[in-house]
Amino acid sequence: MSIINPVVGRPTNTIDVESLSLANYDSRPVPYNWSDAYADEDWSFWQSDEAFAPSEDPDEEDEDIIAEINGEYAEGPVMNYYYPMGVWDFDPVQAAKELLYLPLCVVYIEETEQWGLALTGGGEDLSWEICEAFIRLGFAPPAHFCDLPRISGRGLDGYTPDKDEVIIRACKRTLRHVAMRSQDIHDRLDEMLRDE
């Protein structure tokens, strides 16, 4: 598999939000306890610009299975949930490269055969970063994350106004799509009432 979306590999602030796929607009966090499952048996992850490859030595402790990337240690998901990607046609190594400098990694859940993203850090509302990760992979952000928080350093008066404007516009695109779908359902229900 390979990344086929034309926006991948471009800086976030140069992306045309109308070109983003809406395939994951309804994605929501799925609870998953990473510590109860076993890396490489139950799930796998790819982080930064290198694929995380769990050791093939069954005697090696899971906490010792880490990849050194750019002088830092990649330890994978740390929060007990992931964000499913309903559409996945990527090489996970290339996708992980697209997430460089974001606190997210690519995950694959064996039991459900589900691809997704997971946080590699926490401490504050990371909706901006989650939205940016979806955008970098060619998707409009899920509506669940589009209520972007007003936090220091983010937004049009923040440190990266051009990039943040793209994130805001991509979120607005998602919400327009949700509103349109909601209106379609509303109209269909009205028709059902008129048919009675």
N, C-alpha and C. Protein backbone atom coordinates (compact mmCIF):
# COMPACT_ATOMS: atom_id res chain seq x y z
N MET A 1 0.84 -1.18 0.00
CA MET A 1 0.00 0.00 0.00
C MET A 1 0.88 1.24 0.00
N SER A 2 0.33 2.30 -0.52
CA SER A 2 1.08 3.55 -0.52
C SER A 2 0.12 4.72 -0.33
N ILE A 3 0.66 5.82 0.12
CA ILE A 3 -0.16 7.01 0.28
C ILE A 3 -0.49 7.53 -1.10
N ILE A 4 -1.78 7.68 -1.36
CA ILE A 4 -2.20 8.12 -2.69
C ILE A 4 -2.84 9.50 -2.67
N ASN A 5 -3.11 10.03 -1.50
CA ASN A 5 -3.75 11.34 -1.43
C ASN A 5 -2.76 12.41 -1.85
N PRO A 6 -3.16 13.31 -2.75
CA PRO A 6 -2.21 14.30 -3.27
C PRO A 6 -1.78 15.34 -2.25
N VAL A 7 -2.46 15.47 -1.11
CA VAL A 7 -2.05 16.50 -0.15
C VAL A 7 -0.94 16.02 0.76
N VAL A 8 -0.75 14.71 0.87
CA VAL A 8 0.26 14.19 1.79
C VAL A 8 1.64 14.59 1.31
N GLY A 9 2.48 14.96 2.24
CA GLY A 9 3.83 15.37 1.92
C GLY A 9 3.97 16.87 1.71
N ARG A 10 2.86 17.60 1.79
CA ARG A 10 2.91 19.05 1.64
C ARG A 10 2.79 19.69 3.01
N PRO A 11 3.40 20.84 3.22
CA PRO A 11 3.23 21.54 4.49
C PRO A 11 1.75 21.82 4.74
N THR A 12 1.32 21.71 5.99
CA THR A 12 -0.09 21.86 6.34
C THR A 12 -0.67 23.17 5.83
N ASN A 13 0.13 24.26 5.88
CA ASN A 13 -0.43 25.57 5.50
C ASN A 13 -0.61 25.73 4.00
N THR A 14 -0.24 24.75 3.18
CA THR A 14 -0.43 24.85 1.73
C THR A 14 -1.55 23.94 1.24
N ILE A 15 -2.26 23.29 2.12
CA ILE A 15 -3.28 22.32 1.73
C ILE A 15 -4.59 23.02 1.42
N ASP A 16 -5.20 22.65 0.30
CA ASP A 16 -6.53 23.13 -0.06
C ASP A 16 -7.54 22.24 0.68
N VAL A 17 -8.27 22.80 1.64
CA VAL A 17 -9.16 21.99 2.47
C VAL A 17 -10.26 21.32 1.65
N GLU A 18 -10.61 21.89 0.50
CA GLU A 18 -11.64 21.27 -0.33
C GLU A 18 -11.16 19.96 -0.95
N SER A 19 -9.85 19.73 -0.96
CA SER A 19 -9.32 18.48 -1.52
C SER A 19 -9.26 17.36 -0.48
N LEU A 20 -9.55 17.67 0.78
CA LEU A 20 -9.48 16.66 1.84
C LEU A 20 -10.66 15.70 1.77
N SER A 21 -10.38 14.44 1.98
CA SER A 21 -11.43 13.42 2.00
C SER A 21 -12.28 13.57 3.27
N LEU A 22 -13.57 13.34 3.14
CA LEU A 22 -14.49 13.39 4.29
C LEU A 22 -14.76 11.99 4.83
N ALA A 23 -13.96 11.02 4.44
CA ALA A 23 -14.21 9.62 4.80
C ALA A 23 -14.21 9.36 6.31
N ASN A 24 -13.54 10.18 7.08
CA ASN A 24 -13.45 9.94 8.53
C ASN A 24 -14.15 11.02 9.35
N TYR A 25 -15.11 11.72 8.73
CA TYR A 25 -15.76 12.85 9.42
C TYR A 25 -16.46 12.43 10.71
N ASP A 26 -16.88 11.17 10.80
CA ASP A 26 -17.63 10.72 11.98
C ASP A 26 -16.80 9.84 12.92
N SER A 27 -15.51 9.82 12.74
CA SER A 27 -14.63 9.02 13.61
C SER A 27 -14.67 9.57 15.04
N ARG A 28 -14.74 8.66 16.00
CA ARG A 28 -14.76 9.03 17.43
C ARG A 28 -13.72 8.19 18.16
N PRO A 29 -13.23 8.68 19.28
CA PRO A 29 -12.24 7.90 20.03
C PRO A 29 -12.83 6.54 20.46
N VAL A 30 -11.99 5.53 20.36
CA VAL A 30 -12.37 4.17 20.78
C VAL A 30 -11.49 3.82 21.98
N PRO A 31 -12.09 3.43 23.11
CA PRO A 31 -11.28 3.03 24.27
C PRO A 31 -10.43 1.80 23.95
N TYR A 32 -9.19 1.83 24.38
CA TYR A 32 -8.30 0.68 24.19
C TYR A 32 -7.21 0.76 25.24
N ASN A 33 -7.06 -0.28 26.02
CA ASN A 33 -6.04 -0.30 27.07
C ASN A 33 -4.76 -0.91 26.52
N TRP A 34 -3.83 -0.04 26.18
CA TRP A 34 -2.58 -0.49 25.56
C TRP A 34 -1.78 -1.38 26.49
N SER A 35 -1.88 -1.17 27.80
CA SER A 35 -1.06 -1.95 28.73
C SER A 35 -1.61 -3.36 28.94
N ASP A 36 -2.90 -3.59 28.68
CA ASP A 36 -3.47 -4.93 28.81
C ASP A 36 -3.22 -5.79 27.58
N ALA A 37 -2.91 -5.15 26.47
CA ALA A 37 -2.66 -5.88 25.23
C ALA A 37 -1.15 -5.99 25.03
N TYR A 38 -0.75 -6.86 24.14
CA TYR A 38 0.67 -7.07 23.90
C TYR A 38 1.06 -6.54 22.53
N ALA A 39 2.06 -5.66 22.53
CA ALA A 39 2.57 -5.13 21.27
C ALA A 39 3.03 -6.28 20.40
N ASP A 40 2.76 -6.19 19.13
CA ASP A 40 3.10 -7.14 18.11
C ASP A 40 2.15 -8.33 18.06
N GLU A 41 1.47 -8.66 19.16
CA GLU A 41 0.47 -9.73 19.13
C GLU A 41 -0.91 -9.13 18.93
N ASP A 42 -1.24 -8.12 19.74
CA ASP A 42 -2.57 -7.52 19.70
C ASP A 42 -2.62 -6.21 18.93
N TRP A 43 -1.51 -5.51 18.89
CA TRP A 43 -1.46 -4.23 18.21
C TRP A 43 -0.03 -3.90 17.83
N SER A 44 0.10 -2.98 16.87
CA SER A 44 1.41 -2.50 16.42
C SER A 44 1.33 -0.99 16.28
N PHE A 45 2.48 -0.34 16.35
CA PHE A 45 2.48 1.11 16.12
C PHE A 45 3.71 1.54 15.35
N TRP A 46 3.56 2.67 14.67
CA TRP A 46 4.63 3.30 13.91
C TRP A 46 4.65 4.76 14.33
N GLN A 47 5.84 5.23 14.65
CA GLN A 47 5.95 6.59 15.18
C GLN A 47 7.09 7.33 14.51
N SER A 48 6.94 8.61 14.36
CA SER A 48 7.94 9.50 13.80
C SER A 48 8.34 9.04 12.41
N ASP A 49 9.67 8.98 12.13
CA ASP A 49 10.07 8.64 10.77
C ASP A 49 10.66 7.23 10.65
N GLU A 50 10.42 6.41 11.63
CA GLU A 50 10.88 5.01 11.56
C GLU A 50 9.74 4.09 11.97
N ALA A 51 9.67 2.93 11.36
CA ALA A 51 8.66 1.95 11.79
C ALA A 51 9.09 1.37 13.12
N PHE A 52 8.17 1.27 14.04
CA PHE A 52 8.43 0.62 15.31
C PHE A 52 8.28 -0.88 15.07
N ALA A 53 9.32 -1.61 15.32
CA ALA A 53 9.28 -3.06 15.09
C ALA A 53 9.53 -3.76 16.42
N PRO A 54 8.47 -4.33 17.03
CA PRO A 54 8.66 -5.05 18.29
C PRO A 54 9.68 -6.17 18.12
N SER A 55 10.37 -6.44 19.17
CA SER A 55 11.40 -7.47 19.15
C SER A 55 10.79 -8.83 18.84
N GLU A 56 11.51 -9.66 18.13
CA GLU A 56 11.05 -11.02 17.87
C GLU A 56 11.50 -11.95 18.98
N ASP A 57 12.25 -11.43 19.95
CA ASP A 57 12.69 -12.23 21.09
C ASP A 57 11.58 -12.25 22.13
N PRO A 58 10.94 -13.41 22.34
CA PRO A 58 9.81 -13.46 23.29
C PRO A 58 10.22 -13.21 24.73
N ASP A 59 11.50 -13.28 25.05
CA ASP A 59 11.96 -13.06 26.42
C ASP A 59 12.19 -11.58 26.72
N GLU A 60 12.20 -10.75 25.69
CA GLU A 60 12.47 -9.34 25.90
C GLU A 60 11.23 -8.65 26.46
N GLU A 61 11.43 -7.81 27.50
CA GLU A 61 10.32 -7.10 28.14
C GLU A 61 9.74 -6.06 27.19
N ASP A 62 8.39 -5.93 27.20
CA ASP A 62 7.72 -4.95 26.33
C ASP A 62 8.26 -3.55 26.54
N GLU A 63 8.51 -3.16 27.81
CA GLU A 63 8.95 -1.79 28.06
C GLU A 63 10.35 -1.53 27.51
N ASP A 64 11.08 -2.61 27.20
CA ASP A 64 12.41 -2.45 26.63
C ASP A 64 12.37 -2.38 25.10
N ILE A 65 11.20 -2.62 24.54
CA ILE A 65 11.08 -2.59 23.09
C ILE A 65 10.76 -1.17 22.66
N ILE A 66 11.78 -0.40 22.37
CA ILE A 66 11.60 0.98 21.93
C ILE A 66 12.48 1.25 20.73
N ALA A 67 12.08 2.21 19.95
CA ALA A 67 12.88 2.58 18.79
C ALA A 67 13.47 3.96 19.04
N GLU A 68 14.73 4.12 18.80
CA GLU A 68 15.35 5.43 18.96
C GLU A 68 15.22 6.18 17.65
N ILE A 69 14.58 7.33 17.72
CA ILE A 69 14.32 8.11 16.52
C ILE A 69 14.77 9.54 16.75
N ASN A 70 15.66 10.02 15.91
CA ASN A 70 16.15 11.39 16.01
C ASN A 70 16.64 11.72 17.42
N GLY A 71 17.26 10.76 18.08
CA GLY A 71 17.80 10.99 19.41
C GLY A 71 16.77 10.92 20.52
N GLU A 72 15.50 10.65 20.19
CA GLU A 72 14.45 10.53 21.20
C GLU A 72 13.91 9.12 21.15
N TYR A 73 13.20 8.74 22.19
CA TYR A 73 12.67 7.38 22.25
C TYR A 73 11.20 7.36 21.88
N ALA A 74 10.86 6.48 20.95
CA ALA A 74 9.47 6.30 20.56
C ALA A 74 8.87 5.20 21.42
N GLU A 75 7.89 5.54 22.21
CA GLU A 75 7.30 4.57 23.11
C GLU A 75 5.86 4.23 22.75
N GLY A 76 5.34 4.81 21.70
CA GLY A 76 4.01 4.47 21.24
C GLY A 76 2.89 5.13 22.00
N PRO A 77 1.69 4.56 21.87
CA PRO A 77 0.51 5.18 22.47
C PRO A 77 0.56 5.21 23.99
N VAL A 78 0.07 6.31 24.56
CA VAL A 78 0.09 6.43 26.02
C VAL A 78 -1.30 6.68 26.61
N MET A 79 -2.24 7.12 25.82
CA MET A 79 -3.59 7.35 26.32
C MET A 79 -4.44 6.14 25.93
N ASN A 80 -5.42 5.79 26.74
CA ASN A 80 -6.16 4.54 26.53
C ASN A 80 -7.32 4.67 25.56
N TYR A 81 -7.02 5.16 24.37
CA TYR A 81 -7.99 5.19 23.29
C TYR A 81 -7.23 5.46 21.99
N TYR A 82 -7.91 5.23 20.88
CA TYR A 82 -7.33 5.55 19.58
C TYR A 82 -8.43 6.13 18.69
N TYR A 83 -8.02 6.72 17.58
CA TYR A 83 -8.94 7.36 16.66
C TYR A 83 -8.97 6.56 15.37
N PRO A 84 -10.03 5.79 15.16
CA PRO A 84 -10.07 4.91 13.98
C PRO A 84 -10.10 5.68 12.67
N MET A 85 -9.47 5.09 11.69
CA MET A 85 -9.48 5.63 10.34
C MET A 85 -10.25 4.62 9.50
N GLY A 86 -11.46 4.97 9.11
CA GLY A 86 -12.30 4.05 8.35
C GLY A 86 -11.72 3.71 6.99
N VAL A 87 -10.96 4.62 6.44
CA VAL A 87 -10.32 4.39 5.14
C VAL A 87 -8.82 4.39 5.37
N TRP A 88 -8.16 3.34 4.94
CA TRP A 88 -6.71 3.28 5.12
C TRP A 88 -6.08 2.65 3.90
N ASP A 89 -5.30 3.41 3.19
CA ASP A 89 -4.60 2.90 2.02
C ASP A 89 -3.17 3.44 2.03
N PHE A 90 -2.55 3.35 3.22
CA PHE A 90 -1.22 3.92 3.41
C PHE A 90 -0.21 2.88 3.82
N ASP A 91 1.01 3.14 3.48
CA ASP A 91 2.14 2.44 4.09
C ASP A 91 2.29 3.08 5.47
N PRO A 92 2.21 2.30 6.57
CA PRO A 92 2.25 2.92 7.90
C PRO A 92 3.55 3.67 8.19
N VAL A 93 4.65 3.25 7.59
CA VAL A 93 5.91 3.97 7.80
C VAL A 93 5.82 5.36 7.18
N GLN A 94 5.31 5.44 5.95
CA GLN A 94 5.15 6.75 5.30
C GLN A 94 4.16 7.61 6.07
N ALA A 95 3.07 7.00 6.53
CA ALA A 95 2.08 7.76 7.30
C ALA A 95 2.71 8.31 8.57
N ALA A 96 3.53 7.50 9.25
CA ALA A 96 4.21 7.97 10.47
C ALA A 96 5.12 9.15 10.16
N LYS A 97 5.77 9.11 9.01
CA LYS A 97 6.63 10.24 8.62
C LYS A 97 5.82 11.52 8.48
N GLU A 98 4.59 11.40 7.99
CA GLU A 98 3.74 12.57 7.84
C GLU A 98 3.36 13.17 9.20
N LEU A 99 3.45 12.38 10.26
CA LEU A 99 3.06 12.84 11.60
C LEU A 99 4.24 13.36 12.41
N LEU A 100 5.39 13.48 11.77
CA LEU A 100 6.59 13.95 12.46
C LEU A 100 6.30 15.26 13.20
N TYR A 101 6.73 15.32 14.44
CA TYR A 101 6.58 16.46 15.36
C TYR A 101 5.17 16.62 15.90
N LEU A 102 4.29 15.70 15.61
CA LEU A 102 2.96 15.70 16.24
C LEU A 102 2.96 14.61 17.31
N PRO A 103 2.20 14.78 18.39
CA PRO A 103 2.19 13.79 19.46
C PRO A 103 1.23 12.64 19.17
N LEU A 104 1.36 12.07 17.95
CA LEU A 104 0.51 10.96 17.55
C LEU A 104 1.33 9.91 16.82
N CYS A 105 0.82 8.69 16.83
CA CYS A 105 1.44 7.62 16.08
C CYS A 105 0.35 6.85 15.34
N VAL A 106 0.77 6.06 14.38
CA VAL A 106 -0.13 5.18 13.64
C VAL A 106 -0.25 3.88 14.42
N VAL A 107 -1.47 3.36 14.55
CA VAL A 107 -1.67 2.09 15.25
C VAL A 107 -2.49 1.14 14.38
N TYR A 108 -2.29 -0.15 14.63
CA TYR A 108 -3.08 -1.19 13.97
C TYR A 108 -3.52 -2.17 15.05
N ILE A 109 -4.83 -2.39 15.15
CA ILE A 109 -5.40 -3.31 16.14
C ILE A 109 -5.70 -4.62 15.43
N GLU A 110 -5.01 -5.69 15.84
CA GLU A 110 -5.13 -6.98 15.17
C GLU A 110 -6.55 -7.54 15.23
N GLU A 111 -7.17 -7.53 16.41
CA GLU A 111 -8.46 -8.18 16.60
C GLU A 111 -9.54 -7.62 15.68
N THR A 112 -9.56 -6.32 15.51
CA THR A 112 -10.59 -5.68 14.68
C THR A 112 -10.08 -5.33 13.28
N GLU A 113 -8.79 -5.56 13.04
CA GLU A 113 -8.15 -5.19 11.77
C GLU A 113 -8.39 -3.71 11.47
N GLN A 114 -8.25 -2.90 12.52
CA GLN A 114 -8.55 -1.47 12.43
C GLN A 114 -7.27 -0.64 12.47
N TRP A 115 -7.11 0.27 11.52
CA TRP A 115 -6.04 1.26 11.53
C TRP A 115 -6.53 2.50 12.25
N GLY A 116 -5.62 3.24 12.83
CA GLY A 116 -6.00 4.48 13.47
C GLY A 116 -4.80 5.28 13.91
N LEU A 117 -5.09 6.33 14.66
CA LEU A 117 -4.07 7.19 15.25
C LEU A 117 -4.23 7.14 16.75
N ALA A 118 -3.14 7.31 17.47
CA ALA A 118 -3.19 7.33 18.93
C ALA A 118 -2.21 8.38 19.45
N LEU A 119 -2.56 8.98 20.58
CA LEU A 119 -1.69 9.98 21.19
C LEU A 119 -0.45 9.35 21.81
N THR A 120 0.67 10.03 21.65
CA THR A 120 1.92 9.58 22.28
C THR A 120 2.27 10.49 23.45
N GLY A 121 1.38 11.42 23.76
CA GLY A 121 1.58 12.32 24.89
C GLY A 121 0.25 12.92 25.28
N GLY A 122 0.24 13.66 26.36
CA GLY A 122 -1.01 14.26 26.81
C GLY A 122 -0.73 15.44 27.71
N GLY A 123 -1.72 15.81 28.50
CA GLY A 123 -1.54 16.89 29.45
C GLY A 123 -2.42 18.08 29.19
N GLU A 124 -2.92 18.22 27.96
CA GLU A 124 -3.83 19.31 27.63
C GLU A 124 -4.71 18.83 26.50
N ASP A 125 -5.67 19.64 26.13
CA ASP A 125 -6.54 19.30 25.01
C ASP A 125 -5.71 19.35 23.73
N LEU A 126 -5.56 18.22 23.07
CA LEU A 126 -4.73 18.14 21.86
C LEU A 126 -5.57 18.06 20.58
N SER A 127 -6.75 18.67 20.61
CA SER A 127 -7.62 18.65 19.43
C SER A 127 -6.95 19.27 18.20
N TRP A 128 -6.19 20.35 18.39
CA TRP A 128 -5.49 20.97 17.26
C TRP A 128 -4.56 19.97 16.59
N GLU A 129 -3.80 19.25 17.41
CA GLU A 129 -2.82 18.30 16.87
C GLU A 129 -3.51 17.10 16.22
N ILE A 130 -4.60 16.63 16.82
CA ILE A 130 -5.33 15.51 16.24
C ILE A 130 -5.91 15.91 14.89
N CYS A 131 -6.49 17.09 14.81
CA CYS A 131 -7.02 17.58 13.54
C CYS A 131 -5.91 17.69 12.50
N GLU A 132 -4.77 18.24 12.91
CA GLU A 132 -3.65 18.37 11.97
C GLU A 132 -3.18 17.02 11.47
N ALA A 133 -3.17 16.01 12.33
CA ALA A 133 -2.74 14.67 11.91
C ALA A 133 -3.65 14.13 10.81
N PHE A 134 -4.96 14.25 11.00
CA PHE A 134 -5.89 13.79 9.97
C PHE A 134 -5.66 14.57 8.68
N ILE A 135 -5.45 15.87 8.78
CA ILE A 135 -5.23 16.70 7.60
C ILE A 135 -3.96 16.27 6.88
N ARG A 136 -2.88 16.06 7.63
CA ARG A 136 -1.63 15.64 7.00
C ARG A 136 -1.76 14.33 6.24
N LEU A 137 -2.71 13.50 6.65
CA LEU A 137 -2.94 12.22 5.96
C LEU A 137 -4.01 12.34 4.87
N GLY A 138 -4.49 13.57 4.64
CA GLY A 138 -5.40 13.80 3.53
C GLY A 138 -6.87 13.76 3.87
N PHE A 139 -7.21 13.84 5.16
CA PHE A 139 -8.61 13.76 5.59
C PHE A 139 -9.03 15.04 6.30
N ALA A 140 -10.27 15.44 6.07
CA ALA A 140 -10.85 16.49 6.90
C ALA A 140 -10.96 15.92 8.31
N PRO A 141 -10.77 16.73 9.33
CA PRO A 141 -10.79 16.22 10.70
C PRO A 141 -12.16 15.69 11.09
N PRO A 142 -12.19 14.69 11.97
CA PRO A 142 -13.49 14.23 12.49
C PRO A 142 -14.20 15.36 13.23
N ALA A 143 -15.52 15.42 13.09
CA ALA A 143 -16.32 16.46 13.75
C ALA A 143 -16.10 16.45 15.26
N HIS A 144 -15.86 15.29 15.84
CA HIS A 144 -15.67 15.16 17.28
C HIS A 144 -14.58 16.10 17.82
N PHE A 145 -13.57 16.40 16.99
CA PHE A 145 -12.44 17.21 17.43
C PHE A 145 -12.50 18.65 16.95
N CYS A 146 -13.55 19.01 16.24
CA CYS A 146 -13.60 20.33 15.61
C CYS A 146 -13.99 21.48 16.54
N ASP A 147 -14.32 21.19 17.77
CA ASP A 147 -14.57 22.26 18.74
C ASP A 147 -13.21 22.64 19.32
N LEU A 148 -12.42 23.31 18.50
CA LEU A 148 -11.03 23.62 18.85
C LEU A 148 -10.97 24.55 20.06
N PRO A 149 -10.11 24.21 21.02
CA PRO A 149 -10.01 25.06 22.21
C PRO A 149 -9.23 26.34 21.93
N ARG A 150 -9.61 27.38 22.63
CA ARG A 150 -8.85 28.64 22.58
C ARG A 150 -7.73 28.52 23.61
N ILE A 151 -6.56 28.15 23.13
CA ILE A 151 -5.42 28.01 24.04
C ILE A 151 -4.28 28.87 23.53
N SER A 152 -3.42 29.24 24.44
CA SER A 152 -2.30 30.11 24.11
C SER A 152 -1.45 29.51 22.99
N GLY A 153 -1.12 30.35 22.03
CA GLY A 153 -0.24 29.93 20.95
C GLY A 153 -0.95 29.31 19.77
N ARG A 154 -2.28 29.13 19.85
CA ARG A 154 -3.01 28.51 18.74
C ARG A 154 -4.03 29.49 18.19
N GLY A 155 -4.35 29.35 16.91
CA GLY A 155 -5.33 30.22 16.26
C GLY A 155 -4.65 31.24 15.38
N LEU A 156 -5.44 32.15 14.85
CA LEU A 156 -4.91 33.13 13.90
C LEU A 156 -3.96 34.12 14.53
N ASP A 157 -4.01 34.27 15.85
CA ASP A 157 -3.05 35.15 16.53
C ASP A 157 -2.00 34.34 17.28
N GLY A 158 -1.85 33.07 16.93
CA GLY A 158 -0.89 32.20 17.60
C GLY A 158 0.45 32.15 16.90
N TYR A 159 1.22 31.10 17.21
CA TYR A 159 2.58 30.96 16.69
C TYR A 159 2.61 30.51 15.23
N THR A 160 1.57 29.80 14.79
CA THR A 160 1.54 29.27 13.42
C THR A 160 0.19 29.61 12.77
N PRO A 161 -0.06 30.91 12.54
CA PRO A 161 -1.39 31.31 12.06
C PRO A 161 -1.77 30.71 10.71
N ASP A 162 -0.81 30.57 9.78
CA ASP A 162 -1.15 30.01 8.47
C ASP A 162 -1.62 28.56 8.60
N LYS A 163 -0.88 27.78 9.37
CA LYS A 163 -1.25 26.38 9.58
C LYS A 163 -2.58 26.29 10.33
N ASP A 164 -2.75 27.10 11.36
CA ASP A 164 -3.97 27.04 12.16
C ASP A 164 -5.19 27.48 11.35
N GLU A 165 -4.99 28.39 10.41
CA GLU A 165 -6.11 28.79 9.55
C GLU A 165 -6.58 27.60 8.71
N VAL A 166 -5.64 26.80 8.21
CA VAL A 166 -6.01 25.61 7.44
C VAL A 166 -6.78 24.63 8.33
N ILE A 167 -6.33 24.44 9.56
CA ILE A 167 -7.02 23.53 10.48
C ILE A 167 -8.44 24.03 10.75
N ILE A 168 -8.59 25.33 10.99
CA ILE A 168 -9.92 25.90 11.24
C ILE A 168 -10.82 25.71 10.01
N ARG A 169 -10.29 26.01 8.83
CA ARG A 169 -11.09 25.87 7.61
C ARG A 169 -11.46 24.40 7.35
N ALA A 170 -10.54 23.49 7.64
CA ALA A 170 -10.83 22.06 7.45
C ALA A 170 -11.93 21.61 8.43
N CYS A 171 -11.88 22.11 9.65
CA CYS A 171 -12.94 21.78 10.63
C CYS A 171 -14.28 22.34 10.16
N LYS A 172 -14.27 23.56 9.62
CA LYS A 172 -15.52 24.14 9.11
C LYS A 172 -16.06 23.30 7.95
N ARG A 173 -15.18 22.77 7.12
CA ARG A 173 -15.64 21.90 6.02
C ARG A 173 -16.33 20.66 6.57
N THR A 174 -15.71 20.04 7.58
CA THR A 174 -16.33 18.87 8.21
C THR A 174 -17.70 19.21 8.76
N LEU A 175 -17.80 20.33 9.47
CA LEU A 175 -19.07 20.70 10.10
C LEU A 175 -20.13 21.06 9.07
N ARG A 176 -19.74 21.63 7.92
CA ARG A 176 -20.70 21.87 6.84
C ARG A 176 -21.25 20.54 6.33
N HIS A 177 -20.36 19.55 6.20
CA HIS A 177 -20.78 18.23 5.74
C HIS A 177 -21.75 17.59 6.74
N VAL A 178 -21.44 17.69 8.03
CA VAL A 178 -22.32 17.15 9.07
C VAL A 178 -23.68 17.84 9.01
N ALA A 179 -23.68 19.17 8.85
CA ALA A 179 -24.93 19.92 8.79
C ALA A 179 -25.75 19.50 7.57
N MET A 180 -25.09 19.30 6.43
CA MET A 180 -25.78 18.89 5.22
C MET A 180 -26.40 17.50 5.39
N ARG A 181 -25.64 16.58 5.96
CA ARG A 181 -26.17 15.23 6.19
C ARG A 181 -27.33 15.26 7.18
N SER A 182 -27.20 16.07 8.22
CA SER A 182 -28.28 16.19 9.21
C SER A 182 -29.54 16.75 8.55
N GLN A 183 -29.38 17.74 7.69
CA GLN A 183 -30.54 18.32 7.00
C GLN A 183 -31.18 17.29 6.08
N ASP A 184 -30.38 16.49 5.38
CA ASP A 184 -30.92 15.44 4.51
C ASP A 184 -31.75 14.44 5.31
N ILE A 185 -31.24 14.05 6.46
CA ILE A 185 -31.97 13.11 7.31
C ILE A 185 -33.26 13.75 7.82
N HIS A 186 -33.15 15.01 8.25
CA HIS A 186 -34.31 15.75 8.73
C HIS A 186 -35.40 15.79 7.65
N ASP A 187 -35.00 16.12 6.41
CA ASP A 187 -35.95 16.21 5.30
C ASP A 187 -36.59 14.85 5.00
N ARG A 188 -35.79 13.79 5.06
CA ARG A 188 -36.32 12.44 4.82
C ARG A 188 -37.34 12.06 5.88
N LEU A 189 -37.07 12.41 7.13
CA LEU A 189 -38.01 12.12 8.20
C LEU A 189 -39.31 12.90 8.02
N ASP A 190 -39.18 14.16 7.57
CA ASP A 190 -40.39 14.95 7.27
C ASP A 190 -41.23 14.26 6.20
N GLU A 191 -40.56 13.74 5.17
CA GLU A 191 -41.28 13.02 4.11
C GLU A 191 -42.02 11.80 4.66
N MET A 192 -41.37 11.09 5.58
CA MET A 192 -42.01 9.92 6.18
C MET A 192 -43.26 10.33 6.95
N LEU A 193 -43.21 11.46 7.63
CA LEU A 193 -44.39 11.94 8.37
C LEU A 193 -45.52 12.34 7.41
N ARG A 194 -45.15 12.95 6.28
CA ARG A 194 -46.16 13.35 5.30
C ARG A 194 -46.80 12.15 4.63
N ASP A 195 -46.05 11.05 4.52
CA ASP A 195 -46.57 9.83 3.90
C ASP A 195 -47.60 9.12 4.76
N GLU A 196 -47.66 9.45 6.05
CA GLU A 196 -48.58 8.77 6.98
C GLU A 196 -50.01 9.12 6.66
